[in-house]
Amino acid sequence: MSIIIFNDVQFDADNKTILNKINFTIEEGDFLSIVGPSGSGKSTLLKLVSGLISPTSGEILFNGKDIAKQDPIATRKELSYCFQTPYLFGATVKDNLEFPYDIRHEEFNQGRVDELFTLFQMDSSYLNQDVKKLSGGEKQRISLIRQLLFEPKVLLLDEVTSALDSVNKEIVEGVIQSLHQKGMTILWITHDAEQSKKYANKLMTIVNGQIESLEVIK
């Protein structure tokens, strides 16, 4: 089943075309790696998928319906976007992990938090840590845990391992691979040539705002 469809999508900003005539389809359960030079429009593509920005022209379908006509709050619960630079707020890690429950008016689920801490090889004592004292790798893992407390249909990853050391990179890759094996649809931007083909079944190359190629690699 097709979960994401781009039909002749164009995105302009500051009198410049960032993405032009973008057409592709993502099937449920796909793992798409997106590669290309810096400034080619990769991050813009993910923001369009997530609904953070709207296309200048063309149509983006999510679950068969125009994403622009869907409730953005409901859509963002199904499409989870993880940025290259993790953003944590409040004073403690727990402040960040309570937020997804607060916006859903649900009770904080300590069991689910413990499950994800184990998955990301972190101790539950991190809950009370000051976010300002966390390392870059710790911040990225906490950010991912926050996004996964309620598992989305689609996980959008914008170079989430690019600033991580080899240990943290391996941990995060392992979790992402596990999520895909369970059936989650994943779109992943990476500059790492080896990483781009390691887990994905499809590889998209974007150059100068256009899709140069879309290959099925597995």
C-alpha atoms as a PDB file:
ATOM      1  CA  MET A   1       0.000   0.000   0.000  1.00  0.00           C
ATOM      2  CA  SER A   2       1.286   3.469  -0.926  1.00  0.00           C
ATOM      3  CA  ILE A   3       1.695   5.634   2.172  1.00  0.00           C
ATOM      4  CA  ILE A   4       3.348   8.751   0.653  1.00  0.00           C
ATOM      5  CA  ILE A   5       2.925  10.033  -2.914  1.00  0.00           C
ATOM      6  CA  PHE A   6       4.467  13.184  -4.427  1.00  0.00           C
ATOM      7  CA  ASN A   7       2.718  14.429  -7.585  1.00  0.00           C
ATOM      8  CA  ASP A   8       4.608  17.177  -9.482  1.00  0.00           C
ATOM      9  CA  VAL A   9       5.690  18.866  -6.263  1.00  0.00           C
ATOM     10  CA  GLN A  10       7.544  22.168  -6.460  1.00  0.00           C
ATOM     11  CA  PHE A  11       8.799  24.277  -3.575  1.00  0.00           C
ATOM     12  CA  ASP A  12      10.022  27.866  -3.968  1.00  0.00           C
ATOM     13  CA  ALA A  13      11.620  30.139  -1.371  1.00  0.00           C
ATOM     14  CA  ASP A  14      13.108  33.632  -1.752  1.00  0.00           C
ATOM     15  CA  ASN A  15      12.340  33.650  -5.494  1.00  0.00           C
ATOM     16  CA  LYS A  16      14.314  30.437  -5.952  1.00  0.00           C
ATOM     17  CA  THR A  17      13.089  26.950  -6.816  1.00  0.00           C
ATOM     18  CA  ILE A  18      14.394  24.556  -4.141  1.00  0.00           C
ATOM     19  CA  LEU A  19      12.604  21.432  -5.403  1.00  0.00           C
ATOM     20  CA  ASN A  20      11.219  21.037  -8.914  1.00  0.00           C
ATOM     21  CA  LYS A  21       8.810  18.474 -10.410  1.00  0.00           C
ATOM     22  CA  ILE A  22       9.242  15.896  -7.657  1.00  0.00           C
ATOM     23  CA  ASN A  23       7.389  12.633  -8.302  1.00  0.00           C
ATOM     24  CA  PHE A  24       7.775   9.464  -6.260  1.00  0.00           C
ATOM     25  CA  THR A  25       5.856   6.900  -4.222  1.00  0.00           C
ATOM     26  CA  ILE A  26       6.737   5.341  -0.876  1.00  0.00           C
ATOM     27  CA  GLU A  27       5.125   2.044   0.032  1.00  0.00           C
ATOM     28  CA  GLU A  28       4.227   1.143   3.595  1.00  0.00           C
ATOM     29  CA  GLY A  29       7.276  -0.484   5.205  1.00  0.00           C
ATOM     30  CA  ASP A  30       9.826   1.059   2.814  1.00  0.00           C
ATOM     31  CA  PHE A  31      13.211   2.225   4.078  1.00  0.00           C
ATOM     32  CA  LEU A  32      14.319   5.068   1.797  1.00  0.00           C
ATOM     33  CA  SER A  33      17.803   6.561   2.022  1.00  0.00           C
ATOM     34  CA  ILE A  34      18.069  10.066   0.559  1.00  0.00           C
ATOM     35  CA  VAL A  35      21.478  11.260  -0.620  1.00  0.00           C
ATOM     36  CA  GLY A  36      22.868  14.186  -2.586  1.00  0.00           C
ATOM     37  CA  PRO A  37      25.092  17.258  -2.280  1.00  0.00           C
ATOM     38  CA  SER A  38      24.539  19.819   0.474  1.00  0.00           C
ATOM     39  CA  GLY A  39      21.878  22.334  -0.544  1.00  0.00           C
ATOM     40  CA  SER A  40      20.238  19.988  -3.041  1.00  0.00           C
ATOM     41  CA  GLY A  41      16.862  20.051  -1.254  1.00  0.00           C
ATOM     42  CA  LYS A  42      16.972  16.885   0.869  1.00  0.00           C
ATOM     43  CA  SER A  43      15.887  18.493   4.155  1.00  0.00           C
ATOM     44  CA  THR A  44      13.219  20.502   2.336  1.00  0.00           C
ATOM     45  CA  LEU A  45      11.823  17.226   1.008  1.00  0.00           C
ATOM     46  CA  LEU A  46      11.482  15.781   4.526  1.00  0.00           C
ATOM     47  CA  LYS A  47       9.856  18.982   5.794  1.00  0.00           C
ATOM     48  CA  LEU A  48       7.306  18.721   2.983  1.00  0.00           C
ATOM     49  CA  VAL A  49       6.581  15.097   3.901  1.00  0.00           C
ATOM     50  CA  SER A  50       6.098  16.069   7.549  1.00  0.00           C
ATOM     51  CA  GLY A  51       3.804  18.979   6.735  1.00  0.00           C
ATOM     52  CA  LEU A  52       6.130  21.501   8.381  1.00  0.00           C
ATOM     53  CA  ILE A  53       6.076  23.415   5.089  1.00  0.00           C
ATOM     54  CA  SER A  54       3.644  23.346   2.155  1.00  0.00           C
ATOM     55  CA  PRO A  55       4.481  22.908  -1.536  1.00  0.00           C
ATOM     56  CA  THR A  56       4.294  25.890  -3.871  1.00  0.00           C
ATOM     57  CA  SER A  57       2.553  23.631  -6.372  1.00  0.00           C
ATOM     58  CA  GLY A  58       1.741  19.969  -6.775  1.00  0.00           C
ATOM     59  CA  GLU A  59       0.225  17.517  -4.350  1.00  0.00           C
ATOM     60  CA  ILE A  60       1.490  15.352  -1.485  1.00  0.00           C
ATOM     61  CA  LEU A  61      -0.684  12.420  -0.468  1.00  0.00           C
ATOM     62  CA  PHE A  62      -0.416  10.709   2.915  1.00  0.00           C
ATOM     63  CA  ASN A  63      -2.558   7.611   3.406  1.00  0.00           C
ATOM     64  CA  GLY A  64      -4.265   8.448   0.115  1.00  0.00           C
ATOM     65  CA  LYS A  65      -5.342  11.974   1.080  1.00  0.00           C
ATOM     66  CA  ASP A  66      -3.874  15.416   0.375  1.00  0.00           C
ATOM     67  CA  ILE A  67      -1.705  16.168   3.403  1.00  0.00           C
ATOM     68  CA  ALA A  68      -2.562  19.886   3.122  1.00  0.00           C
ATOM     69  CA  LYS A  69      -6.218  19.064   3.860  1.00  0.00           C
ATOM     70  CA  GLN A  70      -5.523  16.836   6.862  1.00  0.00           C
ATOM     71  CA  ASP A  71      -5.459  17.895  10.511  1.00  0.00           C
ATOM     72  CA  PRO A  72      -1.786  18.872  11.057  1.00  0.00           C
ATOM     73  CA  ILE A  73      -1.809  17.816  14.719  1.00  0.00           C
ATOM     74  CA  ALA A  74      -3.139  14.358  13.851  1.00  0.00           C
ATOM     75  CA  THR A  75      -0.717  14.036  10.931  1.00  0.00           C
ATOM     76  CA  ARG A  76       2.320  14.891  13.043  1.00  0.00           C
ATOM     77  CA  LYS A  77       1.427  12.076  15.421  1.00  0.00           C
ATOM     78  CA  GLU A  78       1.826   9.672  12.491  1.00  0.00           C
ATOM     79  CA  LEU A  79       4.811  11.394  10.824  1.00  0.00           C
ATOM     80  CA  SER A  80       7.681  11.925  13.242  1.00  0.00           C
ATOM     81  CA  TYR A  81      10.548  14.234  12.179  1.00  0.00           C
ATOM     82  CA  CYS A  82      13.966  13.969  13.853  1.00  0.00           C
ATOM     83  CA  PHE A  83      16.330  16.858  13.153  1.00  0.00           C
ATOM     84  CA  GLN A  84      20.087  16.682  12.629  1.00  0.00           C
ATOM     85  CA  THR A  85      20.633  18.912  15.671  1.00  0.00           C
ATOM     86  CA  PRO A  86      18.545  17.659  18.606  1.00  0.00           C
ATOM     87  CA  TYR A  87      16.453  20.265  20.394  1.00  0.00           C
ATOM     88  CA  LEU A  88      15.750  19.660  24.069  1.00  0.00           C
ATOM     89  CA  PHE A  89      13.771  22.080  26.218  1.00  0.00           C
ATOM     90  CA  GLY A  90      12.969  22.577  29.881  1.00  0.00           C
ATOM     91  CA  ALA A  91      15.371  21.752  32.694  1.00  0.00           C
ATOM     92  CA  THR A  92      15.501  17.953  32.751  1.00  0.00           C
ATOM     93  CA  VAL A  93      15.227  14.955  30.475  1.00  0.00           C
ATOM     94  CA  LYS A  94      11.881  14.126  32.096  1.00  0.00           C
ATOM     95  CA  ASP A  95      10.495  17.525  31.030  1.00  0.00           C
ATOM     96  CA  ASN A  96      11.089  16.440  27.432  1.00  0.00           C
ATOM     97  CA  LEU A  97       9.639  12.958  27.820  1.00  0.00           C
ATOM     98  CA  GLU A  98       6.500  14.158  29.594  1.00  0.00           C
ATOM     99  CA  PHE A  99       5.645  16.481  26.696  1.00  0.00           C
ATOM    100  CA  PRO A 100       4.265  13.846  24.255  1.00  0.00           C
ATOM    101  CA  TYR A 101       1.951  12.607  27.021  1.00  0.00           C
ATOM    102  CA  ASP A 102       0.873  16.123  28.000  1.00  0.00           C
ATOM    103  CA  ILE A 103      -0.225  17.076  24.470  1.00  0.00           C
ATOM    104  CA  ARG A 104      -2.247  13.848  24.235  1.00  0.00           C
ATOM    105  CA  HIS A 105      -3.698  14.372  27.733  1.00  0.00           C
ATOM    106  CA  GLU A 106      -2.335  10.986  28.764  1.00  0.00           C
ATOM    107  CA  GLU A 107      -0.601   9.813  31.904  1.00  0.00           C
ATOM    108  CA  PHE A 108       3.194   9.519  31.810  1.00  0.00           C
ATOM    109  CA  ASN A 109       4.096   5.890  31.033  1.00  0.00           C
ATOM    110  CA  GLN A 110       7.223   5.004  32.996  1.00  0.00           C
ATOM    111  CA  GLY A 111       7.217   1.472  31.590  1.00  0.00           C
ATOM    112  CA  ARG A 112       7.380   2.720  27.998  1.00  0.00           C
ATOM    113  CA  VAL A 113      10.159   5.157  28.928  1.00  0.00           C
ATOM    114  CA  ASP A 114      12.160   2.359  30.595  1.00  0.00           C
ATOM    115  CA  GLU A 115      11.676   0.172  27.510  1.00  0.00           C
ATOM    116  CA  LEU A 116      13.135   2.856  25.234  1.00  0.00           C
ATOM    117  CA  PHE A 117      15.978   3.671  27.609  1.00  0.00           C
ATOM    118  CA  THR A 118      16.946  -0.012  27.467  1.00  0.00           C
ATOM    119  CA  LEU A 119      16.688  -0.018  23.668  1.00  0.00           C
ATOM    120  CA  PHE A 120      18.995   3.017  23.420  1.00  0.00           C
ATOM    121  CA  GLN A 121      21.345   1.616  26.090  1.00  0.00           C
ATOM    122  CA  MET A 122      20.705   4.377  28.610  1.00  0.00           C
ATOM    123  CA  ASP A 123      20.006   4.161  32.335  1.00  0.00           C
ATOM    124  CA  SER A 124      16.661   5.419  33.678  1.00  0.00           C
ATOM    125  CA  SER A 125      18.599   7.739  36.005  1.00  0.00           C
ATOM    126  CA  TYR A 126      18.939  10.018  32.960  1.00  0.00           C
ATOM    127  CA  LEU A 127      15.340  11.123  33.595  1.00  0.00           C
ATOM    128  CA  ASN A 128      16.440  13.614  36.237  1.00  0.00           C
ATOM    129  CA  GLN A 129      19.542  14.866  34.441  1.00  0.00           C
ATOM    130  CA  ASP A 130      19.995  18.494  33.407  1.00  0.00           C
ATOM    131  CA  VAL A 131      19.635  18.671  29.619  1.00  0.00           C
ATOM    132  CA  LYS A 132      22.443  21.235  29.438  1.00  0.00           C
ATOM    133  CA  LYS A 133      24.901  18.675  30.839  1.00  0.00           C
ATOM    134  CA  LEU A 134      24.208  15.974  28.270  1.00  0.00           C
ATOM    135  CA  SER A 135      26.683  15.121  25.521  1.00  0.00           C
ATOM    136  CA  GLY A 136      25.695  15.438  21.861  1.00  0.00           C
ATOM    137  CA  GLY A 137      25.163  11.690  21.598  1.00  0.00           C
ATOM    138  CA  GLU A 138      23.015  11.634  24.729  1.00  0.00           C
ATOM    139  CA  LYS A 139      20.907  14.539  23.464  1.00  0.00           C
ATOM    140  CA  GLN A 140      20.311  12.790  20.147  1.00  0.00           C
ATOM    141  CA  ARG A 141      19.243   9.564  21.850  1.00  0.00           C
ATOM    142  CA  ILE A 142      16.894  11.429  24.217  1.00  0.00           C
ATOM    143  CA  SER A 143      15.428  13.299  21.239  1.00  0.00           C
ATOM    144  CA  LEU A 144      14.784  10.007  19.443  1.00  0.00           C
ATOM    145  CA  ILE A 145      13.248   8.470  22.574  1.00  0.00           C
ATOM    146  CA  ARG A 146      10.886  11.461  22.783  1.00  0.00           C
ATOM    147  CA  GLN A 147       9.813  10.908  19.161  1.00  0.00           C
ATOM    148  CA  LEU A 148       9.259   7.183  19.687  1.00  0.00           C
ATOM    149  CA  LEU A 149       7.263   7.170  22.934  1.00  0.00           C
ATOM    150  CA  PHE A 150       4.235   6.921  20.643  1.00  0.00           C
ATOM    151  CA  GLU A 151       5.432   4.983  17.601  1.00  0.00           C
ATOM    152  CA  PRO A 152       4.668   6.845  14.360  1.00  0.00           C
ATOM    153  CA  LYS A 153       3.722   5.274  11.044  1.00  0.00           C
ATOM    154  CA  VAL A 154       6.594   7.099   9.357  1.00  0.00           C
ATOM    155  CA  LEU A 155       9.933   8.121  10.860  1.00  0.00           C
ATOM    156  CA  LEU A 156      11.768  10.983   9.120  1.00  0.00           C
ATOM    157  CA  LEU A 157      15.469  11.188   9.967  1.00  0.00           C
ATOM    158  CA  ASP A 158      17.623  14.145   8.917  1.00  0.00           C
ATOM    159  CA  GLU A 159      21.255  13.054   9.335  1.00  0.00           C
ATOM    160  CA  VAL A 160      20.614  11.988  12.929  1.00  0.00           C
ATOM    161  CA  THR A 161      23.924  10.102  13.216  1.00  0.00           C
ATOM    162  CA  SER A 162      26.219  12.596  11.446  1.00  0.00           C
ATOM    163  CA  ALA A 163      27.575  14.164  14.662  1.00  0.00           C
ATOM    164  CA  LEU A 164      27.719  10.947  16.703  1.00  0.00           C
ATOM    165  CA  ASP A 165      30.764   8.936  17.684  1.00  0.00           C
ATOM    166  CA  SER A 166      31.005   5.335  16.464  1.00  0.00           C
ATOM    167  CA  VAL A 167      29.457   3.859  19.637  1.00  0.00           C
ATOM    168  CA  ASN A 168      26.386   6.128  19.623  1.00  0.00           C
ATOM    169  CA  LYS A 169      26.062   5.774  15.852  1.00  0.00           C
ATOM    170  CA  GLU A 170      25.943   1.992  16.138  1.00  0.00           C
ATOM    171  CA  ILE A 171      23.321   2.164  18.919  1.00  0.00           C
ATOM    172  CA  VAL A 172      21.056   4.503  16.940  1.00  0.00           C
ATOM    173  CA  GLU A 173      21.456   2.508  13.716  1.00  0.00           C
ATOM    174  CA  GLY A 174      20.524  -0.669  15.588  1.00  0.00           C
ATOM    175  CA  VAL A 175      17.314   0.878  16.927  1.00  0.00           C
ATOM    176  CA  ILE A 176      16.341   2.239  13.503  1.00  0.00           C
ATOM    177  CA  GLN A 177      16.974  -1.140  11.878  1.00  0.00           C
ATOM    178  CA  SER A 178      14.831  -2.815  14.552  1.00  0.00           C
ATOM    179  CA  LEU A 179      11.958  -0.364  13.960  1.00  0.00           C
ATOM    180  CA  HIS A 180      12.068  -1.043  10.224  1.00  0.00           C
ATOM    181  CA  GLN A 181      12.071  -4.793  10.778  1.00  0.00           C
ATOM    182  CA  LYS A 182       8.860  -4.308  12.788  1.00  0.00           C
ATOM    183  CA  GLY A 183       7.274  -2.610   9.757  1.00  0.00           C
ATOM    184  CA  MET A 184       7.854   1.105  10.307  1.00  0.00           C
ATOM    185  CA  THR A 185       8.302   3.235   7.173  1.00  0.00           C
ATOM    186  CA  ILE A 186      11.558   5.203   7.327  1.00  0.00           C
ATOM    187  CA  LEU A 187      12.966   8.083   5.251  1.00  0.00           C
ATOM    188  CA  TRP A 188      16.579   8.790   6.146  1.00  0.00           C
ATOM    189  CA  ILE A 189      18.880  11.543   4.880  1.00  0.00           C
ATOM    190  CA  THR A 190      22.543  10.586   5.115  1.00  0.00           C
ATOM    191  CA  HIS A 191      25.902  11.705   3.717  1.00  0.00           C
ATOM    192  CA  ASP A 192      27.458   8.350   4.601  1.00  0.00           C
ATOM    193  CA  ALA A 193      27.693   6.269   1.411  1.00  0.00           C
ATOM    194  CA  GLU A 194      28.030   2.979   3.284  1.00  0.00           C
ATOM    195  CA  GLN A 195      25.173   3.825   5.660  1.00  0.00           C
ATOM    196  CA  SER A 196      22.883   4.812   2.774  1.00  0.00           C
ATOM    197  CA  LYS A 197      22.827   1.234   1.436  1.00  0.00           C
ATOM    198  CA  LYS A 198      23.256  -0.697   4.676  1.00  0.00           C
ATOM    199  CA  TYR A 199      19.608  -0.868   5.745  1.00  0.00           C
ATOM    200  CA  ALA A 200      17.502   0.789   3.029  1.00  0.00           C
ATOM    201  CA  ASN A 201      15.580  -0.997   0.293  1.00  0.00           C
ATOM    202  CA  LYS A 202      15.391   2.179  -1.830  1.00  0.00           C
ATOM    203  CA  LEU A 203      17.962   4.887  -2.571  1.00  0.00           C
ATOM    204  CA  MET A 204      17.015   8.361  -3.820  1.00  0.00           C
ATOM    205  CA  THR A 205      19.617  10.793  -5.140  1.00  0.00           C
ATOM    206  CA  ILE A 206      18.660  14.483  -5.262  1.00  0.00           C
ATOM    207  CA  VAL A 207      20.789  16.970  -7.210  1.00  0.00           C
ATOM    208  CA  ASN A 208      19.926  20.650  -7.745  1.00  0.00           C
ATOM    209  CA  GLY A 209      16.388  20.221  -6.487  1.00  0.00           C
ATOM    210  CA  GLN A 210      15.500  17.289  -8.734  1.00  0.00           C
ATOM    211  CA  ILE A 211      15.448  13.527  -8.322  1.00  0.00           C
ATOM    212  CA  GLU A 212      18.418  12.244 -10.291  1.00  0.00           C
ATOM    213  CA  SER A 213      17.648   8.610  -9.521  1.00  0.00           C
ATOM    214  CA  LEU A 214      15.422   6.391  -7.397  1.00  0.00           C
ATOM    215  CA  GLU A 215      16.767   2.851  -7.162  1.00  0.00           C
ATOM    216  CA  VAL A 216      15.400  -0.291  -5.576  1.00  0.00           C
ATOM    217  CA  ILE A 217      18.534  -1.749  -3.967  1.00  0.00           C
ATOM    218  CA  LYS A 218      17.029  -4.655  -1.997  1.00  0.00           C
END
